[in-house]
């Protein structure tokens, strides 16, 4: 799976779970999900669970600092750091 595919999957999850029915046109890969209020503490727990299940990243391996979940780019970097090299 490429980083572009991972980003698209994370974006779909964020839109479906947190922005349902809202305009998601501003949701770029570097949009700050935490500062903007898109993801709160409970949402972060759901996102971490989704990452663990869908990308087979053990919960024990996920660094829980907010910077790892601040944007789609940060989330992709977190996932790829635990899943090894990706296809282009």
Protein backbone atom coordinates (compact mmCIF):
# COMPACT_ATOMS: atom_id res chain seq x y z
CA UNK A 1 0.00 0.00 0.00
CA UNK A 2 1.39 3.39 -0.94
CA UNK A 3 1.48 6.41 1.32
CA UNK A 4 -1.04 8.04 -1.02
CA UNK A 5 -3.43 5.10 -0.45
CA UNK A 6 -2.92 5.33 3.31
CA UNK A 7 -3.62 9.09 3.22
CA UNK A 8 -6.80 8.53 1.20
CA UNK A 9 -7.99 5.90 3.68
CA UNK A 10 -7.27 8.13 6.68
CA UNK A 11 -9.02 11.07 4.97
CA UNK A 12 -12.09 8.90 4.27
CA UNK A 13 -12.14 7.75 7.92
CA UNK A 14 -11.85 11.32 9.23
CA UNK A 15 -14.58 12.61 6.91
CA UNK A 16 -16.92 9.72 7.72
CA UNK A 17 -16.34 9.71 11.49
CA UNK A 18 -15.84 13.38 12.30
CA UNK A 19 -17.12 15.51 9.41
CA UNK A 20 -20.21 13.64 8.24
CA UNK A 21 -22.48 16.07 6.44
CA UNK A 22 -19.95 18.91 6.67
CA UNK A 23 -17.84 20.51 3.96
CA UNK A 24 -14.52 18.68 3.96
CA UNK A 25 -12.93 20.67 1.13
CA UNK A 26 -10.39 22.24 3.54
CA UNK A 27 -9.15 18.83 4.67
CA UNK A 28 -5.70 18.86 3.11
CA UNK A 29 -2.95 16.44 4.12
CA UNK A 30 -1.40 19.07 6.39
CA UNK A 31 -4.65 20.45 7.89
CA UNK A 32 -4.34 20.58 11.70
CA UNK A 33 -6.97 18.10 12.89
CA UNK A 34 -6.43 18.74 16.59
CA UNK A 35 -6.15 22.54 16.72
CA UNK A 36 -9.15 22.90 14.41
CA UNK A 37 -11.24 20.72 16.72
CA UNK A 38 -11.96 18.08 14.09
CA UNK A 39 -10.51 15.43 16.41
CA UNK A 40 -10.92 15.68 20.19
CA UNK A 41 -9.65 13.29 22.86
CA UNK A 42 -12.41 10.73 22.32
CA UNK A 43 -11.97 11.01 18.57
CA UNK A 44 -8.27 10.39 19.02
CA UNK A 45 -9.02 7.11 20.80
CA UNK A 46 -11.25 6.04 17.88
CA UNK A 47 -8.59 7.06 15.37
CA UNK A 48 -5.88 5.12 17.19
CA UNK A 49 -8.13 2.05 17.29
CA UNK A 50 -8.78 2.41 13.55
CA UNK A 51 -5.05 2.69 12.79
CA UNK A 52 -4.29 -0.35 14.90
CA UNK A 53 -6.97 -2.46 13.24
CA UNK A 54 -6.77 -1.34 9.63
CA UNK A 55 -2.99 -1.07 9.36
CA UNK A 56 -2.03 -3.83 11.79
CA UNK A 57 0.02 -1.53 13.99
CA UNK A 58 0.05 -2.92 17.55
CA UNK A 59 -1.32 -0.44 20.10
CA UNK A 60 1.85 -0.91 22.16
CA UNK A 61 3.87 0.44 19.21
CA UNK A 62 1.85 3.63 18.69
CA UNK A 63 3.40 6.78 20.17
CA UNK A 64 0.47 8.68 21.68
CA UNK A 65 1.83 12.23 21.39
CA UNK A 66 -0.56 14.67 19.71
CA UNK A 67 1.99 15.56 17.03
CA UNK A 68 1.62 12.05 15.58
CA UNK A 69 -2.08 12.72 14.92
CA UNK A 70 -2.08 16.43 14.11
CA UNK A 71 -2.50 15.96 10.34
CA UNK A 72 -3.05 13.28 7.75
CA UNK A 73 0.64 13.58 6.82
CA UNK A 74 1.64 12.96 10.45
CA UNK A 75 -0.66 9.94 10.70
CA UNK A 76 0.73 8.48 7.46
CA UNK A 77 4.28 8.98 8.78
CA UNK A 78 3.34 7.20 12.01
CA UNK A 79 1.83 4.26 10.12
CA UNK A 80 4.71 3.94 7.68
CA UNK A 81 7.25 4.05 10.49
CA UNK A 82 5.66 0.84 11.80
CA UNK A 83 4.84 -0.94 8.57
CA UNK A 84 8.13 -0.64 6.69
CA UNK A 85 8.83 0.58 3.15
CA UNK A 86 5.86 1.31 0.93
CA UNK A 87 5.26 1.01 -2.77
CA UNK A 88 5.52 4.28 -4.65
